[in-house]
C-alpha cells in the first residue's frame, strides 16, 4: 500500500531550528510536496537505510566458501567494457556534447 494511502494514526512532533525548517521547506517545495510528506518520506528512508546497514546476511558455510571463491577468482574481461575503455574520452578528442 502506498504510504500516502495509509492511515495516519500516530502524530509526531519535532522541534527544529529556523534554519533547518527553512531548508526542509525549500526542498519540499522543489519537489512539489508538503513538509509532512517530505519529512515522513525522508525519515522512513533513513530508517530503512539504518536497518539495511545493520542486517546480517546468513548463508551456509558452503555458500560462503563459494562467495569467497568468486571474489578471489581473477576478473574476466567484459568485451563491451574493454572496447569502451579503449575509446578516447570526449574531452580528449574535443567531441564534447
Protein backbone atom coordinates (compact mmCIF):
# COMPACT_ATOMS: atom_id res chain seq x y z
CA UNK A 1 0.00 0.00 0.00
CA UNK A 2 1.47 3.42 -0.91
CA UNK A 3 2.43 5.49 2.08
CA UNK A 4 0.06 8.30 1.12
CA UNK A 5 -2.90 5.89 1.29
CA UNK A 6 -2.06 4.55 4.76
CA UNK A 7 -3.89 5.71 7.86
CA UNK A 8 -2.13 8.37 9.88
CA UNK A 9 -2.77 7.27 13.45
CA UNK A 10 0.41 8.46 15.16
CA UNK A 11 1.21 12.17 15.25
CA UNK A 12 4.86 13.13 15.62
CA UNK A 13 6.11 16.43 16.95
CA UNK A 14 9.63 17.74 16.42
CA UNK A 15 11.35 20.99 17.34
CA UNK A 16 13.72 22.40 14.73
CA UNK A 17 15.85 25.50 14.42
CA UNK A 18 14.58 28.04 11.89
CA UNK A 19 17.47 27.28 9.52
CA UNK A 20 16.65 23.55 9.45
CA UNK A 21 12.98 24.22 8.87
CA UNK A 22 13.78 26.62 6.04
CA UNK A 23 15.93 24.10 4.21
CA UNK A 24 13.32 21.35 4.67
CA UNK A 25 10.58 23.64 3.38
CA UNK A 26 12.69 24.63 0.37
CA UNK A 27 13.42 21.00 -0.51
CA UNK A 28 9.75 20.03 -0.11
CA UNK A 29 8.71 22.96 -2.30
CA UNK A 30 11.21 21.98 -5.00
CA UNK A 31 9.67 18.51 -5.09
CA UNK A 32 6.11 19.84 -5.03
CA UNK A 33 5.36 18.12 -1.75
CA UNK A 34 4.15 19.17 1.65
CA UNK A 35 6.56 19.47 4.57
CA UNK A 36 4.85 16.49 6.20
CA UNK A 37 5.15 14.29 3.11
CA UNK A 38 8.79 15.28 2.62
CA UNK A 39 9.77 14.69 6.25
CA UNK A 40 7.85 11.41 6.54
CA UNK A 41 9.47 10.00 3.40
CA UNK A 42 12.94 11.23 4.44
CA UNK A 43 12.56 9.74 7.93
CA UNK A 44 11.29 6.39 6.63
CA UNK A 45 14.07 6.24 4.01
CA UNK A 46 16.69 6.98 6.69
CA UNK A 47 15.17 4.31 8.93
CA UNK A 48 15.18 1.75 6.11
CA UNK A 49 18.83 2.58 5.34
CA UNK A 50 19.79 2.16 9.01
CA UNK A 51 18.02 -1.19 9.17
CA UNK A 52 19.59 -2.40 5.93
CA UNK A 53 23.06 -1.32 7.14
CA UNK A 54 22.72 -3.46 10.26
CA UNK A 55 21.02 -6.56 8.85
CA UNK A 56 23.09 -9.70 8.77
CA UNK A 57 23.19 -11.93 5.74
CA UNK A 58 23.31 -15.55 6.84
CA UNK A 59 24.49 -18.24 4.48
CA UNK A 60 25.65 -21.80 4.81
CA UNK A 61 29.39 -22.46 5.08
CA UNK A 62 29.29 -23.88 1.55
CA UNK A 63 27.60 -20.79 0.15
CA UNK A 64 30.11 -18.56 1.93
CA UNK A 65 33.04 -20.54 0.51
CA UNK A 66 31.55 -20.24 -2.98
CA UNK A 67 31.14 -16.48 -2.47
CA UNK A 68 34.74 -16.07 -1.31
CA UNK A 69 35.95 -18.17 -4.23
CA UNK A 70 34.16 -15.86 -6.67
CA UNK A 71 35.74 -12.82 -5.03
CA UNK A 72 39.19 -14.41 -5.14
CA UNK A 73 38.91 -15.58 -8.75
CA UNK A 74 40.64 -13.47 -11.41
CA UNK A 75 38.37 -10.99 -13.11
CA UNK A 76 37.05 -11.95 -16.53
CA UNK A 77 37.15 -9.20 -19.15
CA UNK A 78 33.80 -8.00 -20.44
CA UNK A 79 34.29 -7.33 -24.19
CA UNK A 80 31.92 -4.33 -24.28
CA UNK A 81 33.72 -2.68 -21.33
CA UNK A 82 37.15 -3.42 -22.80
CA UNK A 83 36.08 -1.72 -26.02
CA UNK A 84 34.60 1.21 -24.13
CA UNK A 85 37.78 1.74 -22.12
CA UNK A 86 39.85 1.77 -25.31
CA UNK A 87 37.88 4.69 -26.74
CA UNK A 88 39.26 8.16 -26.04
CA UNK A 89 37.19 10.24 -23.66
CA UNK A 90 35.14 13.05 -25.23
CA UNK A 91 37.32 15.69 -23.56
CA UNK A 92 40.40 14.06 -25.09
CA UNK A 93 39.01 14.22 -28.62
CA UNK A 94 37.27 17.58 -28.44
CA UNK A 95 33.94 15.86 -29.18
CA UNK A 96 32.15 17.15 -26.09
CA UNK A 97 28.39 17.32 -26.40
